[in-house]
PDB file of N, CA and C in Angstrom:
ATOM      1  N   MET A   1      25.593 204.101 287.507  1.00  0.00           N
ATOM      2  CA  MET A   1      26.860 204.769 287.742  1.00  0.00           C
ATOM      3  C   MET A   1      26.594 206.273 287.865  1.00  0.00           C
ATOM      4  N   SER A   2      27.047 206.876 288.952  1.00  0.00           N
ATOM      5  CA  SER A   2      26.828 208.312 289.143  1.00  0.00           C
ATOM      6  C   SER A   2      27.937 209.103 288.463  1.00  0.00           C
ATOM      7  N   GLU A   3      27.555 210.285 288.016  1.00  0.00           N
ATOM      8  CA  GLU A   3      28.509 211.146 287.337  1.00  0.00           C
ATOM      9  C   GLU A   3      29.310 211.932 288.362  1.00  0.00           C
ATOM     10  N   ILE A   4      30.612 212.009 288.171  1.00  0.00           N
ATOM     11  CA  ILE A   4      31.482 212.746 289.077  1.00  0.00           C
ATOM     12  C   ILE A   4      31.623 214.167 288.559  1.00  0.00           C
ATOM     13  N   SER A   5      31.369 215.113 289.424  1.00  0.00           N
ATOM     14  CA  SER A   5      31.488 216.522 289.059  1.00  0.00           C
ATOM     15  C   SER A   5      32.944 216.964 289.201  1.00  0.00           C
ATOM     16  N   MET A   6      33.440 217.614 288.162  1.00  0.00           N
ATOM     17  CA  MET A   6      34.819 218.107 288.191  1.00  0.00           C
ATOM     18  C   MET A   6      34.821 219.596 287.878  1.00  0.00           C
ATOM     19  N   THR A   7      35.843 220.271 288.354  1.00  0.00           N
ATOM     20  CA  THR A   7      36.005 221.684 288.041  1.00  0.00           C
ATOM     21  C   THR A   7      36.474 221.833 286.597  1.00  0.00           C
ATOM     22  N   SER A   8      36.387 223.051 286.093  1.00  0.00           N
ATOM     23  CA  SER A   8      36.832 223.343 284.732  1.00  0.00           C
ATOM     24  C   SER A   8      38.332 223.111 284.595  1.00  0.00           C
ATOM     25  N   ASN A   9      38.746 222.590 283.435  1.00  0.00           N
ATOM     26  CA  ASN A   9      40.175 222.404 283.196  1.00  0.00           C
ATOM     27  C   ASN A   9      40.814 223.650 282.586  1.00  0.00           C
ATOM     28  N   LYS A  10      40.001 224.646 282.220  1.00  0.00           N
ATOM     29  CA  LYS A  10      40.521 225.834 281.545  1.00  0.00           C
ATOM     30  C   LYS A  10      41.580 226.588 282.357  1.00  0.00           C
ATOM     31  N   PRO A  11      41.379 226.816 283.676  1.00  0.00           N
ATOM     32  CA  PRO A  11      42.441 227.509 284.422  1.00  0.00           C
ATOM     33  C   PRO A  11      43.777 226.775 284.365  1.00  0.00           C
ATOM     34  N   TYR A  12      43.739 225.454 284.415  1.00  0.00           N
ATOM     35  CA  TYR A  12      44.968 224.655 284.372  1.00  0.00           C
ATOM     36  C   TYR A  12      45.642 224.762 283.009  1.00  0.00           C
ATOM     37  N   ILE A  13      44.838 224.736 281.957  1.00  0.00           N
ATOM     38  CA  ILE A  13      45.377 224.829 280.596  1.00  0.00           C
ATOM     39  C   ILE A  13      45.993 226.203 280.355  1.00  0.00           C
ATOM     40  N   VAL A  14      45.292 227.252 280.755  1.00  0.00           N
ATOM     41  CA  VAL A  14      45.810 228.610 280.566  1.00  0.00           C
ATOM     42  C   VAL A  14      47.098 228.802 281.360  1.00  0.00           C
ATOM     43  N   ARG A  15      47.119 228.358 282.622  1.00  0.00           N
ATOM     44  CA  ARG A  15      48.337 228.498 283.435  1.00  0.00           C
ATOM     45  C   ARG A  15      49.494 227.706 282.843  1.00  0.00           C
ATOM     46  N   ALA A  16      49.209 226.516 282.331  1.00  0.00           N
ATOM     47  CA  ALA A  16      50.270 225.688 281.740  1.00  0.00           C
ATOM     48  C   ALA A  16      50.842 226.357 280.489  1.00  0.00           C
ATOM     49  N   PHE A  17      49.976 226.870 279.631  1.00  0.00           N
ATOM     50  CA  PHE A  17      50.474 227.558 278.432  1.00  0.00           C
ATOM     51  C   PHE A  17      51.226 228.828 278.805  1.00  0.00           C
ATOM     52  N   TYR A  18      50.743 229.565 279.783  1.00  0.00           N
ATOM     53  CA  TYR A  18      51.436 230.769 280.248  1.00  0.00           C
ATOM     54  C   TYR A  18      52.851 230.410 280.696  1.00  0.00           C
ATOM     55  N   GLN A  19      52.970 229.373 281.515  1.00  0.00           N
ATOM     56  CA  GLN A  19      54.278 228.942 282.020  1.00  0.00           C
ATOM     57  C   GLN A  19      55.191 228.485 280.884  1.00  0.00           C
ATOM     58  N   TRP A  20      54.641 227.697 279.957  1.00  0.00           N
ATOM     59  CA  TRP A  20      55.415 227.184 278.828  1.00  0.00           C
ATOM     60  C   TRP A  20      55.925 228.320 277.948  1.00  0.00           C
ATOM     61  N   ILE A  21      55.056 229.278 277.659  1.00  0.00           N
ATOM     62  CA  ILE A  21      55.442 230.411 276.808  1.00  0.00           C
ATOM     63  C   ILE A  21      56.525 231.239 277.493  1.00  0.00           C
ATOM     64  N   THR A  22      56.334 231.555 278.787  1.00  0.00           N
ATOM     65  CA  THR A  22      57.331 232.369 279.485  1.00  0.00           C
ATOM     66  C   THR A  22      58.632 231.603 279.712  1.00  0.00           C
ATOM     67  N   ASP A  23      58.566 230.293 279.956  1.00  0.00           N
ATOM     68  CA  ASP A  23      59.780 229.487 280.113  1.00  0.00           C
ATOM     69  C   ASP A  23      60.632 229.492 278.847  1.00  0.00           C
ATOM     70  N   ASN A  24      59.994 229.704 277.716  1.00  0.00           N
ATOM     71  CA  ASN A  24      60.708 229.752 276.442  1.00  0.00           C
ATOM     72  C   ASN A  24      61.068 231.185 276.044  1.00  0.00           C
ATOM     73  N   GLN A  25      61.025 232.094 277.022  1.00  0.00           N
ATOM     74  CA  GLN A  25      61.375 233.503 276.828  1.00  0.00           C
ATOM     75  C   GLN A  25      60.575 234.166 275.703  1.00  0.00           C
ATOM     76  N   LEU A  26      59.308 233.779 275.585  1.00  0.00           N
ATOM     77  CA  LEU A  26      58.419 234.406 274.607  1.00  0.00           C
ATOM     78  C   LEU A  26      57.375 235.239 275.342  1.00  0.00           C
ATOM     79  N   THR A  27      56.568 235.971 274.602  1.00  0.00           N
ATOM     80  CA  THR A  27      55.613 236.912 275.171  1.00  0.00           C
ATOM     81  C   THR A  27      54.198 236.351 275.110  1.00  0.00           C
ATOM     82  N   PRO A  28      53.582 236.043 276.276  1.00  0.00           N
ATOM     83  CA  PRO A  28      52.219 235.507 276.264  1.00  0.00           C
ATOM     84  C   PRO A  28      51.178 236.598 276.025  1.00  0.00           C
ATOM     85  N   TYR A  29      50.286 236.341 275.079  1.00  0.00           N
ATOM     86  CA  TYR A  29      49.153 237.217 274.784  1.00  0.00           C
ATOM     87  C   TYR A  29      47.884 236.419 275.037  1.00  0.00           C
ATOM     88  N   VAL A  30      46.844 237.077 275.539  1.00  0.00           N
ATOM     89  CA  VAL A  30      45.540 236.442 275.678  1.00  0.00           C
ATOM     90  C   VAL A  30      44.524 237.214 274.861  1.00  0.00           C
ATOM     91  N   VAL A  31      43.619 236.473 274.253  1.00  0.00           N
ATOM     92  CA  VAL A  31      42.484 237.051 273.539  1.00  0.00           C
ATOM     93  C   VAL A  31      41.288 236.913 274.467  1.00  0.00           C
ATOM     94  N   VAL A  32      40.648 238.045 274.786  1.00  0.00           N
ATOM     95  CA  VAL A  32      39.580 238.079 275.776  1.00  0.00           C
ATOM     96  C   VAL A  32      38.263 238.481 275.115  1.00  0.00           C
ATOM     97  N   ASP A  33      37.217 237.688 275.369  1.00  0.00           N
ATOM     98  CA  ASP A  33      35.860 238.016 274.939  1.00  0.00           C
ATOM     99  C   ASP A  33      35.269 238.931 276.003  1.00  0.00           C
ATOM    100  N   VAL A  34      35.106 240.217 275.676  1.00  0.00           N
ATOM    101  CA  VAL A  34      34.669 241.186 276.676  1.00  0.00           C
ATOM    102  C   VAL A  34      33.175 241.091 276.985  1.00  0.00           C
ATOM    103  N   ASN A  35      32.450 240.256 276.264  1.00  0.00           N
ATOM    104  CA  ASN A  35      31.019 240.090 276.514  1.00  0.00           C
ATOM    105  C   ASN A  35      30.720 239.100 277.634  1.00  0.00           C
ATOM    106  N   VAL A  36      31.742 238.417 278.134  1.00  0.00           N
ATOM    107  CA  VAL A  36      31.563 237.471 279.232  1.00  0.00           C
ATOM    108  C   VAL A  36      31.406 238.261 280.529  1.00  0.00           C
ATOM    109  N   TYR A  37      30.446 237.842 281.348  1.00  0.00           N
ATOM    110  CA  TYR A  37      30.171 238.527 282.605  1.00  0.00           C
ATOM    111  C   TYR A  37      31.410 238.574 283.493  1.00  0.00           C
ATOM    112  N   GLY A  38      31.688 239.744 284.047  1.00  0.00           N
ATOM    113  CA  GLY A  38      32.778 239.908 285.000  1.00  0.00           C
ATOM    114  C   GLY A  38      34.062 240.462 284.413  1.00  0.00           C
ATOM    115  N   VAL A  39      34.186 240.495 283.091  1.00  0.00           N
ATOM    116  CA  VAL A  39      35.409 241.003 282.470  1.00  0.00           C
ATOM    117  C   VAL A  39      35.558 242.494 282.785  1.00  0.00           C
ATOM    118  N   LEU A  40      36.744 242.868 283.239  1.00  0.00           N
ATOM    119  CA  LEU A  40      37.046 244.259 283.531  1.00  0.00           C
ATOM    120  C   LEU A  40      38.313 244.643 282.767  1.00  0.00           C
ATOM    121  N   VAL A  41      38.115 245.355 281.648  1.00  0.00           N
ATOM    122  CA  VAL A  41      39.208 245.826 280.804  1.00  0.00           C
ATOM    123  C   VAL A  41      38.846 247.235 280.322  1.00  0.00           C
ATOM    124  N   PRO A  42      39.833 248.013 279.863  1.00  0.00           N
ATOM    125  CA  PRO A  42      39.501 249.333 279.319  1.00  0.00           C
ATOM    126  C   PRO A  42      38.769 249.172 277.974  1.00  0.00           C
ATOM    127  N   MET A  43      37.491 249.515 277.966  1.00  0.00           N
ATOM    128  CA  MET A  43      36.646 249.256 276.798  1.00  0.00           C
ATOM    129  C   MET A  43      37.061 250.049 275.555  1.00  0.00           C
ATOM    130  N   SER A  44      37.788 251.140 275.720  1.00  0.00           N
ATOM    131  CA  SER A  44      38.199 251.934 274.553  1.00  0.00           C
ATOM    132  C   SER A  44      39.245 251.201 273.704  1.00  0.00           C
ATOM    133  N   TYR A  45      39.787 250.095 274.221  1.00  0.00           N
ATOM    134  CA  TYR A  45      40.779 249.304 273.473  1.00  0.00           C
ATOM    135  C   TYR A  45      40.179 248.022 272.889  1.00  0.00           C
ATOM    136  N   VAL A  46      38.876 247.884 272.973  1.00  0.00           N
ATOM    137  CA  VAL A  46      38.179 246.687 272.494  1.00  0.00           C
ATOM    138  C   VAL A  46      37.851 246.834 271.014  1.00  0.00           C
ATOM    139  N   ASN A  47      38.067 245.762 270.253  1.00  0.00           N
ATOM    140  CA  ASN A  47      37.697 245.702 268.840  1.00  0.00           C
ATOM    141  C   ASN A  47      36.869 244.456 268.601  1.00  0.00           C
ATOM    142  N   ASP A  48      35.695 244.615 267.991  1.00  0.00           N
ATOM    143  CA  ASP A  48      34.815 243.485 267.652  1.00  0.00           C
ATOM    144  C   ASP A  48      34.550 242.575 268.854  1.00  0.00           C
ATOM    145  N   GLY A  49      34.357 243.165 270.024  1.00  0.00           N
ATOM    146  CA  GLY A  49      34.016 242.390 271.207  1.00  0.00           C
ATOM    147  C   GLY A  49      35.180 241.672 271.858  1.00  0.00           C
ATOM    148  N   GLN A  50      36.402 241.944 271.379  1.00  0.00           N
ATOM    149  CA  GLN A  50      37.582 241.286 271.934  1.00  0.00           C
ATOM    150  C   GLN A  50      38.677 242.293 272.221  1.00  0.00           C
ATOM    151  N   ILE A  51      39.545 241.910 273.141  1.00  0.00           N
ATOM    152  CA  ILE A  51      40.759 242.679 273.399  1.00  0.00           C
ATOM    153  C   ILE A  51      41.906 241.681 273.493  1.00  0.00           C
ATOM    154  N   ILE A  52      43.033 242.037 272.921  1.00  0.00           N
ATOM    155  CA  ILE A  52      44.234 241.195 272.989  1.00  0.00           C
ATOM    156  C   ILE A  52      45.197 241.876 273.945  1.00  0.00           C
ATOM    157  N   LEU A  53      45.617 241.138 274.960  1.00  0.00           N
ATOM    158  CA  LEU A  53      46.454 241.701 276.010  1.00  0.00           C
ATOM    159  C   LEU A  53      47.782 240.978 276.131  1.00  0.00           C
ATOM    160  N   ASN A  54      48.851 241.752 276.240  1.00  0.00           N
ATOM    161  CA  ASN A  54      50.168 241.226 276.573  1.00  0.00           C
ATOM    162  C   ASN A  54      50.163 240.981 278.072  1.00  0.00           C
ATOM    163  N   VAL A  55      50.303 239.739 278.495  1.00  0.00           N
ATOM    164  CA  VAL A  55      50.272 239.408 279.915  1.00  0.00           C
ATOM    165  C   VAL A  55      51.638 238.970 280.441  1.00  0.00           C
ATOM    166  N   SER A  56      52.700 239.387 279.754  1.00  0.00           N
ATOM    167  CA  SER A  56      54.048 239.059 280.231  1.00  0.00           C
ATOM    168  C   SER A  56      54.326 239.830 281.514  1.00  0.00           C
ATOM    169  N   SER A  57      55.191 239.288 282.352  1.00  0.00           N
ATOM    170  CA  SER A  57      55.499 239.951 283.622  1.00  0.00           C
ATOM    171  C   SER A  57      56.145 241.314 283.385  1.00  0.00           C
ATOM    172  N   SER A  58      56.847 241.496 282.275  1.00  0.00           N
ATOM    173  CA  SER A  58      57.461 242.800 282.002  1.00  0.00           C
ATOM    174  C   SER A  58      56.409 243.835 281.606  1.00  0.00           C
ATOM    175  N   ALA A  59      55.270 243.391 281.107  1.00  0.00           N
ATOM    176  CA  ALA A  59      54.210 244.318 280.697  1.00  0.00           C
ATOM    177  C   ALA A  59      53.248 244.639 281.827  1.00  0.00           C
ATOM    178  N   VAL A  60      53.003 243.677 282.714  1.00  0.00           N
ATOM    179  CA  VAL A  60      51.979 243.870 283.730  1.00  0.00           C
ATOM    180  C   VAL A  60      52.504 243.883 285.156  1.00  0.00           C
ATOM    181  N   GLY A  61      53.772 243.595 285.355  1.00  0.00           N
ATOM    182  CA  GLY A  61      54.280 243.522 286.723  1.00  0.00           C
ATOM    183  C   GLY A  61      53.762 242.259 287.381  1.00  0.00           C
ATOM    184  N   THR A  62      53.027 242.406 288.461  1.00  0.00           N
ATOM    185  CA  THR A  62      52.504 241.251 289.179  1.00  0.00           C
ATOM    186  C   THR A  62      51.217 240.763 288.529  1.00  0.00           C
ATOM    187  N   ILE A  63      51.165 239.487 288.240  1.00  0.00           N
ATOM    188  CA  ILE A  63      49.973 238.881 287.654  1.00  0.00           C
ATOM    189  C   ILE A  63      49.547 237.713 288.545  1.00  0.00           C
ATOM    190  N   ALA A  64      48.256 237.604 288.775  1.00  0.00           N
ATOM    191  CA  ALA A  64      47.720 236.513 289.586  1.00  0.00           C
ATOM    192  C   ALA A  64      46.877 235.618 288.691  1.00  0.00           C
ATOM    193  N   LEU A  65      47.360 234.400 288.465  1.00  0.00           N
ATOM    194  CA  LEU A  65      46.611 233.410 287.700  1.00  0.00           C
ATOM    195  C   LEU A  65      45.927 232.502 288.711  1.00  0.00           C
ATOM    196  N   GLY A  66      44.756 232.915 289.160  1.00  0.00           N
ATOM    197  CA  GLY A  66      44.038 232.204 290.207  1.00  0.00           C
ATOM    198  C   GLY A  66      43.244 231.027 289.688  1.00  0.00           C
ATOM    199  N   ASN A  67      42.330 230.543 290.520  1.00  0.00           N
ATOM    200  CA  ASN A  67      41.493 229.405 290.127  1.00  0.00           C
ATOM    201  C   ASN A  67      40.296 229.820 289.282  1.00  0.00           C
ATOM    202  N   ASP A  68      39.871 231.085 289.406  1.00  0.00           N
ATOM    203  CA  ASP A  68      38.689 231.544 288.690  1.00  0.00           C
ATOM    204  C   ASP A  68      38.978 232.614 287.652  1.00  0.00           C
ATOM    205  N   SER A  69      40.111 233.309 287.814  1.00  0.00           N
ATOM    206  CA  SER A  69      40.368 234.453 286.948  1.00  0.00           C
ATOM    207  C   SER A  69      41.850 234.801 286.914  1.00  0.00           C
ATOM    208  N   ILE A  70      42.171 235.698 285.977  1.00  0.00           N
ATOM    209  CA  ILE A  70      43.486 236.319 285.896  1.00  0.00           C
ATOM    210  C   ILE A  70      43.294 237.777 286.290  1.00  0.00           C
ATOM    211  N   GLU A  71      44.171 238.275 287.162  1.00  0.00           N
ATOM    212  CA  GLU A  71      44.095 239.668 287.593  1.00  0.00           C
ATOM    213  C   GLU A  71      45.474 240.300 287.539  1.00  0.00           C
ATOM    214  N   PHE A  72      45.506 241.546 287.075  1.00  0.00           N
ATOM    215  CA  PHE A  72      46.746 242.312 287.058  1.00  0.00           C
ATOM    216  C   PHE A  72      46.414 243.775 286.820  1.00  0.00           C
ATOM    217  N   SER A  73      47.415 244.612 286.954  1.00  0.00           N
ATOM    218  CA  SER A  73      47.285 246.024 286.610  1.00  0.00           C
ATOM    219  C   SER A  73      48.224 246.312 285.464  1.00  0.00           C
ATOM    220  N   ALA A  74      47.806 247.189 284.571  1.00  0.00           N
ATOM    221  CA  ALA A  74      48.630 247.549 283.422  1.00  0.00           C
ATOM    222  C   ALA A  74      48.287 248.978 283.001  1.00  0.00           C
ATOM    223  N   ARG A  75      49.206 249.591 282.310  1.00  0.00           N
ATOM    224  CA  ARG A  75      48.987 250.960 281.831  1.00  0.00           C
ATOM    225  C   ARG A  75      48.439 250.930 280.402  1.00  0.00           C
ATOM    226  N   PHE A  76      47.419 251.737 280.207  1.00  0.00           N
ATOM    227  CA  PHE A  76      46.814 251.931 278.891  1.00  0.00           C
ATOM    228  C   PHE A  76      46.776 253.428 278.655  1.00  0.00           C
ATOM    229  N   GLY A  77      47.523 253.890 277.658  1.00  0.00           N
ATOM    230  CA  GLY A  77      47.590 255.324 277.404  1.00  0.00           C
ATOM    231  C   GLY A  77      48.080 256.096 278.619  1.00  0.00           C
ATOM    232  N   GLY A  78      48.984 255.492 279.396  1.00  0.00           N
ATOM    233  CA  GLY A  78      49.558 256.137 280.562  1.00  0.00           C
ATOM    234  C   GLY A  78      48.732 256.001 281.829  1.00  0.00           C
ATOM    235  N   LYS A  79      47.516 255.485 281.725  1.00  0.00           N
ATOM    236  CA  LYS A  79      46.634 255.352 282.886  1.00  0.00           C
ATOM    237  C   LYS A  79      46.675 253.926 283.418  1.00  0.00           C
ATOM    238  N   LEU A  80      46.902 253.775 284.721  1.00  0.00           N
ATOM    239  CA  LEU A  80      46.939 252.451 285.339  1.00  0.00           C
ATOM    240  C   LEU A  80      45.524 251.901 285.452  1.00  0.00           C
ATOM    241  N   GLU A  81      45.305 250.698 284.936  1.00  0.00           N
ATOM    242  CA  GLU A  81      43.991 250.055 284.949  1.00  0.00           C
ATOM    243  C   GLU A  81      44.094 248.702 285.656  1.00  0.00           C
ATOM    244  N   HIS A  82      43.057 248.371 286.427  1.00  0.00           N
ATOM    245  CA  HIS A  82      42.957 247.041 287.033  1.00  0.00           C
ATOM    246  C   HIS A  82      42.222 246.142 286.045  1.00  0.00           C
ATOM    247  N   ILE A  83      42.823 245.008 285.723  1.00  0.00           N
ATOM    248  CA  ILE A  83      42.262 244.082 284.745  1.00  0.00           C
ATOM    249  C   ILE A  83      41.808 242.815 285.462  1.00  0.00           C
ATOM    250  N   TYR A  84      40.591 242.380 285.148  1.00  0.00           N
ATOM    251  CA  TYR A  84      40.028 241.161 285.728  1.00  0.00           C
ATOM    252  C   TYR A  84      39.440 240.337 284.582  1.00  0.00           C
ATOM    253  N   ILE A  85      39.936 239.105 284.416  1.00  0.00           N
ATOM    254  CA  ILE A  85      39.501 238.249 283.313  1.00  0.00           C
ATOM    255  C   ILE A  85      39.107 236.878 283.852  1.00  0.00           C
ATOM    256  N   PRO A  86      37.812 236.575 283.909  1.00  0.00           N
ATOM    257  CA  PRO A  86      37.408 235.206 284.253  1.00  0.00           C
ATOM    258  C   PRO A  86      37.919 234.256 283.161  1.00  0.00           C
ATOM    259  N   TYR A  87      38.308 233.049 283.547  1.00  0.00           N
ATOM    260  CA  TYR A  87      38.853 232.115 282.552  1.00  0.00           C
ATOM    261  C   TYR A  87      37.881 231.835 281.412  1.00  0.00           C
ATOM    262  N   GLY A  88      36.589 231.890 281.698  1.00  0.00           N
ATOM    263  CA  GLY A  88      35.593 231.661 280.654  1.00  0.00           C
ATOM    264  C   GLY A  88      35.629 232.691 279.539  1.00  0.00           C
ATOM    265  N   ALA A  89      36.282 233.828 279.779  1.00  0.00           N
ATOM    266  CA  ALA A  89      36.373 234.885 278.769  1.00  0.00           C
ATOM    267  C   ALA A  89      37.613 234.753 277.891  1.00  0.00           C
ATOM    268  N   ILE A  90      38.511 233.835 278.239  1.00  0.00           N
ATOM    269  CA  ILE A  90      39.750 233.701 277.462  1.00  0.00           C
ATOM    270  C   ILE A  90      39.496 232.811 276.252  1.00  0.00           C
ATOM    271  N   ALA A  91      39.604 233.430 275.093  1.00  0.00           N
ATOM    272  CA  ALA A  91      39.386 232.704 273.837  1.00  0.00           C
ATOM    273  C   ALA A  91      40.659 232.027 273.356  1.00  0.00           C
ATOM    274  N   ALA A  92      41.819 232.578 273.722  1.00  0.00           N
ATOM    275  CA  ALA A  92      43.104 232.013 273.284  1.00  0.00           C
ATOM    276  C   ALA A  92      44.228 232.543 274.152  1.00  0.00           C
ATOM    277  N   ILE A  93      45.290 231.763 274.241  1.00  0.00           N
ATOM    278  CA  ILE A  93      46.571 232.220 274.803  1.00  0.00           C
ATOM    279  C   ILE A  93      47.642 231.721 273.854  1.00  0.00           C
ATOM    280  N   TYR A  94      48.561 232.641 273.480  1.00  0.00           N
ATOM    281  CA  TYR A  94      49.564 232.274 272.481  1.00  0.00           C
ATOM    282  C   TYR A  94      50.800 233.135 272.657  1.00  0.00           C
ATOM    283  N   ALA A  95      51.902 232.698 272.043  1.00  0.00           N
ATOM    284  CA  ALA A  95      53.143 233.459 272.053  1.00  0.00           C
ATOM    285  C   ALA A  95      53.112 234.462 270.907  1.00  0.00           C
ATOM    286  N   LYS A  96      53.368 235.720 271.214  1.00  0.00           N
ATOM    287  CA  LYS A  96      53.357 236.784 270.207  1.00  0.00           C
ATOM    288  C   LYS A  96      54.341 236.493 269.073  1.00  0.00           C
ATOM    289  N   GLU A  97      55.501 235.965 269.423  1.00  0.00           N
ATOM    290  CA  GLU A  97      56.578 235.820 268.443  1.00  0.00           C
ATOM    291  C   GLU A  97      56.321 234.776 267.375  1.00  0.00           C
ATOM    292  N   ASN A  98      55.614 233.673 267.740  1.00  0.00           N
ATOM    293  CA  ASN A  98      55.441 232.597 266.756  1.00  0.00           C
ATOM    294  C   ASN A  98      54.028 232.013 266.711  1.00  0.00           C
ATOM    295  N   GLY A  99      53.113 232.539 267.530  1.00  0.00           N
ATOM    296  CA  GLY A  99      51.731 232.060 267.488  1.00  0.00           C
ATOM    297  C   GLY A  99      51.493 230.748 268.212  1.00  0.00           C
ATOM    298  N   ALA A 100      52.523 230.161 268.841  1.00  0.00           N
ATOM    299  CA  ALA A 100      52.359 228.892 269.543  1.00  0.00           C
ATOM    300  C   ALA A 100      51.418 229.077 270.720  1.00  0.00           C
ATOM    301  N   GLY A 101      50.485 228.159 270.883  1.00  0.00           N
ATOM    302  CA  GLY A 101      49.538 228.228 271.984  1.00  0.00           C
ATOM    303  C   GLY A 101      48.242 227.567 271.592  1.00  0.00           C
ATOM    304  N   THR A 102      47.163 228.042 272.164  1.00  0.00           N
ATOM    305  CA  THR A 102      45.865 227.454 271.876  1.00  0.00           C
ATOM    306  C   THR A 102      44.776 228.501 271.878  1.00  0.00           C
TER     307      THR A 102
END
């Protein structure tokens, strides 16, 4: 029996939790491991190799939850930054208000 190759389920899980959290009028936060290759975040906001980001549409404006990464722009200390997060760098997604998520 040959093994069937499948894509990662992580993008689907993250998008589903994002949708569920926002559908319930809560604020989605992601915990990002900045040591993963390709992560683009403002490093001055990193603590212990991680950054926690509010990814709600009110915080970031337009957000693209693609097949390989999450991309958006957000202001940090008044400066507009382009954020790029490969799904492999996402350690968690949860609702700020009650911690629901994974």
